[in-house]
C-alpha atoms as a PDB file:
ATOM      1  CA  MET A   1      13.040  -6.064  -5.673  1.00  0.00           C
ATOM      2  CA  LYS A   2      16.953  -7.347  -4.942  1.00  0.00           C
ATOM      3  CA  TYR A   3      17.774  -6.062  -2.271  1.00  0.00           C
ATOM      4  CA  SER A   4      14.392  -6.577  -0.014  1.00  0.00           C
ATOM      5  CA  GLN A   5      16.327  -8.991   1.994  1.00  0.00           C
ATOM      6  CA  TRP A   6      19.534  -6.989   3.153  1.00  0.00           C
ATOM      7  CA  ILE A   7      16.566  -4.275   3.766  1.00  0.00           C
ATOM      8  CA  GLY A   8      14.373  -6.500   5.913  1.00  0.00           C
ATOM      9  CA  VAL A   9      17.329  -7.538   7.480  1.00  0.00           C
ATOM     10  CA  ALA A  10      18.039  -3.670   8.539  1.00  0.00           C
ATOM     11  CA  ALA A  11      15.196  -3.146   9.281  1.00  0.00           C
ATOM     12  CA  ALA A  12      14.891  -5.889  12.045  1.00  0.00           C
ATOM     13  CA  LEU A  13      18.559  -4.560  13.879  1.00  0.00           C
ATOM     14  CA  LEU A  14      16.836  -1.129  13.608  1.00  0.00           C
ATOM     15  CA  LEU A  15      14.087  -2.151  15.262  1.00  0.00           C
ATOM     16  CA  MET A  16      16.480  -4.551  17.831  1.00  0.00           C
ATOM     17  CA  GLY A  17      18.670  -1.104  18.553  1.00  0.00           C
ATOM     18  CA  ALA A  18      14.698   1.001  18.812  1.00  0.00           C
ATOM     19  CA  CYS A  19      13.269  -0.512  22.011  1.00  0.00           C
ATOM     20  CA  TYR A  20      16.266   0.790  23.925  1.00  0.00           C
ATOM     21  CA  LEU A  21      15.689   3.858  22.577  1.00  0.00           C
ATOM     22  CA  PRO A  22      13.319   5.967  24.520  1.00  0.00           C
ATOM     23  CA  TRP A  23      10.080   5.443  23.627  1.00  0.00           C
ATOM     24  CA  ALA A  24       7.779   7.378  25.893  1.00  0.00           C
ATOM     25  CA  TYR A  25       7.794  10.316  28.586  1.00  0.00           C
ATOM     26  CA  TYR A  26       5.331   9.963  31.532  1.00  0.00           C
ATOM     27  CA  PRO A  27       5.767  13.974  33.155  1.00  0.00           C
ATOM     28  CA  GLU A  28       4.029  12.820  36.321  1.00  0.00           C
ATOM     29  CA  LEU A  29       6.212  10.235  36.795  1.00  0.00           C
ATOM     30  CA  GLN A  30       9.133  12.133  35.304  1.00  0.00           C
ATOM     31  CA  LYS A  31      10.743   9.412  34.089  1.00  0.00           C
ATOM     32  CA  GLU A  32      11.284   8.050  30.395  1.00  0.00           C
ATOM     33  CA  PHE A  33       9.994   4.209  29.277  1.00  0.00           C
ATOM     34  CA  THR A  34      12.204   1.858  26.050  1.00  0.00           C
ATOM     35  CA  GLY A  35      11.483  -1.373  25.273  1.00  0.00           C
ATOM     36  CA  PHE A  36      12.683  -3.114  28.304  1.00  0.00           C
ATOM     37  CA  PHE A  37      11.225  -0.456  31.439  1.00  0.00           C
ATOM     38  CA  SER A  38       8.704   0.840  32.585  1.00  0.00           C
ATOM     39  CA  GLU A  39       7.358   2.203  35.105  1.00  0.00           C
ATOM     40  CA  ASN A  40       6.703  -1.427  38.105  1.00  0.00           C
ATOM     41  CA  ASN A  41       7.010  -3.671  35.064  1.00  0.00           C
ATOM     42  CA  ALA A  42       3.268  -1.714  34.040  1.00  0.00           C
ATOM     43  CA  TYR A  43       3.440  -2.276  29.857  1.00  0.00           C
ATOM     44  CA  GLY A  44       5.934  -5.376  30.264  1.00  0.00           C
ATOM     45  CA  ARG A  45       8.737  -5.855  28.335  1.00  0.00           C
ATOM     46  CA  PRO A  46       7.525  -5.725  24.740  1.00  0.00           C
ATOM     47  CA  GLY A  47      11.496  -5.219  23.975  1.00  0.00           C
ATOM     48  CA  ARG A  48      12.348  -9.134  24.451  1.00  0.00           C
ATOM     49  CA  ILE A  49       9.707 -10.208  21.952  1.00  0.00           C
ATOM     50  CA  PHE A  50      10.447  -7.307  19.157  1.00  0.00           C
ATOM     51  CA  VAL A  51      14.009  -9.438  19.571  1.00  0.00           C
ATOM     52  CA  PHE A  52      12.935 -12.312  19.812  1.00  0.00           C
ATOM     53  CA  PHE A  53      11.003 -12.211  16.234  1.00  0.00           C
ATOM     54  CA  CYS A  54      13.866  -9.932  15.459  1.00  0.00           C
ATOM     55  CA  GLY A  55      16.514 -12.776  15.567  1.00  0.00           C
ATOM     56  CA  ILE A  56      13.269 -15.366  14.027  1.00  0.00           C
ATOM     57  CA  ALA A  57      12.585 -13.148  10.898  1.00  0.00           C
ATOM     58  CA  ILE A  58      16.215 -11.985  10.212  1.00  0.00           C
ATOM     59  CA  VAL A  59      17.371 -16.031   9.762  1.00  0.00           C
ATOM     60  CA  LEU A  60      14.130 -16.802   7.332  1.00  0.00           C
ATOM     61  CA  PHE A  61      15.167 -13.174   5.682  1.00  0.00           C
ATOM     62  CA  LEU A  62      18.808 -15.016   5.558  1.00  0.00           C
ATOM     63  CA  ILE A  63      17.929 -18.732   3.670  1.00  0.00           C
ATOM     64  CA  PRO A  64      16.539 -18.633   0.235  1.00  0.00           C
ATOM     65  CA  ARG A  65      14.344 -21.123  -0.408  1.00  0.00           C
ATOM     66  CA  ILE A  66      10.496 -20.930  -0.569  1.00  0.00           C
ATOM     67  CA  TRP A  67       8.980 -21.865   2.892  1.00  0.00           C
ATOM     68  CA  ALA A  68      11.312 -19.588   4.951  1.00  0.00           C
ATOM     69  CA  LYS A  69       9.840 -16.716   2.018  1.00  0.00           C
ATOM     70  CA  ARG A  70       5.945 -17.964   3.369  1.00  0.00           C
ATOM     71  CA  GLY A  71       7.337 -18.223   6.876  1.00  0.00           C
ATOM     72  CA  ASN A  72       9.567 -15.086   7.465  1.00  0.00           C
ATOM     73  CA  LEU A  73       5.749 -13.283   5.874  1.00  0.00           C
ATOM     74  CA  PHE A  74       3.781 -15.434   8.554  1.00  0.00           C
ATOM     75  CA  VAL A  75       6.377 -13.643  11.282  1.00  0.00           C
ATOM     76  CA  CYS A  76       7.123  -9.775  10.325  1.00  0.00           C
ATOM     77  CA  ALA A  77       2.947  -9.685  10.165  1.00  0.00           C
ATOM     78  CA  ILE A  78       2.504 -11.308  13.440  1.00  0.00           C
ATOM     79  CA  ASN A  79       5.543  -8.975  14.358  1.00  0.00           C
ATOM     80  CA  PHE A  80       3.716  -5.747  13.128  1.00  0.00           C
ATOM     81  CA  ALA A  81       0.377  -6.562  14.420  1.00  0.00           C
ATOM     82  CA  PHE A  82       2.770  -6.587  17.569  1.00  0.00           C
ATOM     83  CA  ALA A  83       3.985  -3.395  17.350  1.00  0.00           C
ATOM     84  CA  ILE A  84       0.475  -2.047  16.390  1.00  0.00           C
ATOM     85  CA  ASN A  85      -0.783  -2.939  19.748  1.00  0.00           C
ATOM     86  CA  ILE A  86       2.789  -1.232  22.131  1.00  0.00           C
ATOM     87  CA  PHE A  87       2.384   1.990  19.553  1.00  0.00           C
ATOM     88  CA  ILE A  88      -1.112   2.023  20.893  1.00  0.00           C
ATOM     89  CA  ARG A  89      -0.693   0.746  24.253  1.00  0.00           C
ATOM     90  CA  PHE A  90       2.624   3.339  24.671  1.00  0.00           C
ATOM     91  CA  THR A  91       1.020   6.619  23.060  1.00  0.00           C
ATOM     92  CA  GLY A  92      -1.930   6.018  25.199  1.00  0.00           C
ATOM     93  CA  CYS A  93      -4.050   8.372  27.616  1.00  0.00           C
ATOM     94  CA  ALA A  94      -4.937   6.829  30.831  1.00  0.00           C
ATOM     95  CA  ARG A  95      -6.847   9.483  33.447  1.00  0.00           C
ATOM     96  CA  GLY A  96      -5.660  12.688  32.083  1.00  0.00           C
ATOM     97  CA  ILE A  97      -2.583  12.441  31.077  1.00  0.00           C
ATOM     98  CA  CYS A  98      -0.753  11.965  27.797  1.00  0.00           C
ATOM     99  CA  PRO A  99       3.006  10.929  27.575  1.00  0.00           C
ATOM    100  CA  GLU A 100       5.529  12.510  24.848  1.00  0.00           C
ATOM    101  CA  LYS A 101       6.741   9.672  21.780  1.00  0.00           C
ATOM    102  CA  ARG A 102       9.269   9.662  21.758  1.00  0.00           C
ATOM    103  CA  LEU A 103      11.756   8.876  18.479  1.00  0.00           C
ATOM    104  CA  GLY A 104      12.199   4.629  19.076  1.00  0.00           C
ATOM    105  CA  ILE A 105       8.430   4.053  19.039  1.00  0.00           C
ATOM    106  CA  PHE A 106       8.388   6.146  15.930  1.00  0.00           C
ATOM    107  CA  LEU A 107      11.613   4.126  14.793  1.00  0.00           C
ATOM    108  CA  MET A 108       9.751   0.724  16.228  1.00  0.00           C
ATOM    109  CA  LEU A 109       7.142   1.024  14.238  1.00  0.00           C
ATOM    110  CA  LEU A 110       8.472   2.321  10.787  1.00  0.00           C
ATOM    111  CA  ALA A 111      10.989  -0.696  10.834  1.00  0.00           C
ATOM    112  CA  SER A 112       8.539  -3.370  11.771  1.00  0.00           C
ATOM    113  CA  ILE A 113       6.051  -1.415   8.356  1.00  0.00           C
ATOM    114  CA  ILE A 114       9.532  -1.551   6.168  1.00  0.00           C
ATOM    115  CA  MET A 115       9.856  -5.475   7.746  1.00  0.00           C
ATOM    116  CA  VAL A 116       6.463  -6.304   6.176  1.00  0.00           C
ATOM    117  CA  VAL A 117       7.380  -4.891   3.056  1.00  0.00           C
ATOM    118  CA  ALA A 118      11.078  -6.740   2.450  1.00  0.00           C
ATOM    119  CA  ALA A 119       8.696  -9.594   3.494  1.00  0.00           C
ATOM    120  CA  VAL A 120       5.405  -9.314   0.943  1.00  0.00           C
ATOM    121  CA  LEU A 121       8.462  -8.498  -1.573  1.00  0.00           C
ATOM    122  CA  PRO A 122      11.595 -11.880  -1.493  1.00  0.00           C
ATOM    123  CA  ASP A 123      13.957 -11.933  -3.947  1.00  0.00           C
ATOM    124  CA  ILE A 124      14.066 -15.464  -5.147  1.00  0.00           C
ATOM    125  CA  GLN A 125      14.427 -17.086  -8.253  1.00  0.00           C
ATOM    126  CA  LEU A 126      11.746 -19.849  -8.804  1.00  0.00           C
ATOM    127  CA  LYS A 127      12.494 -22.972 -10.911  1.00  0.00           C
ATOM    128  CA  ASP A 128       9.914 -22.970 -14.185  1.00  0.00           C
ATOM    129  CA  LYS A 129       8.185 -26.440 -14.087  1.00  0.00           C
ATOM    130  CA  SER A 130       7.076 -26.103 -17.945  1.00  0.00           C
ATOM    131  CA  ARG A 131      10.500 -28.149 -19.468  1.00  0.00           C
END
């Protein structure tokens, strides 16, 4: 795809921004959790890991070499697997109490999917070895 690299960069920036949005509202605590906040750090700070992986992915999206595209596919796949893990962890019910899902958690998951698709479809010209 012609614009897949720029779409991947935009998705990585969207994922970084989604870490600051509310991911889940826990009514028993009356608090909203984000990628950088959870009560008593119960779920950790997955936003820091997402920012790290997105930074690497942005650099690899912008490098026009085949090794960068292969490495980016690996980074985006790890990022997507981590996003699924975090989605399940933040939205799962515990002790009969289910949190309300907020916009940020869905944007996080959507941006991770878009990053993987953009990494699978790189716009790179390969050299013709038949000459």
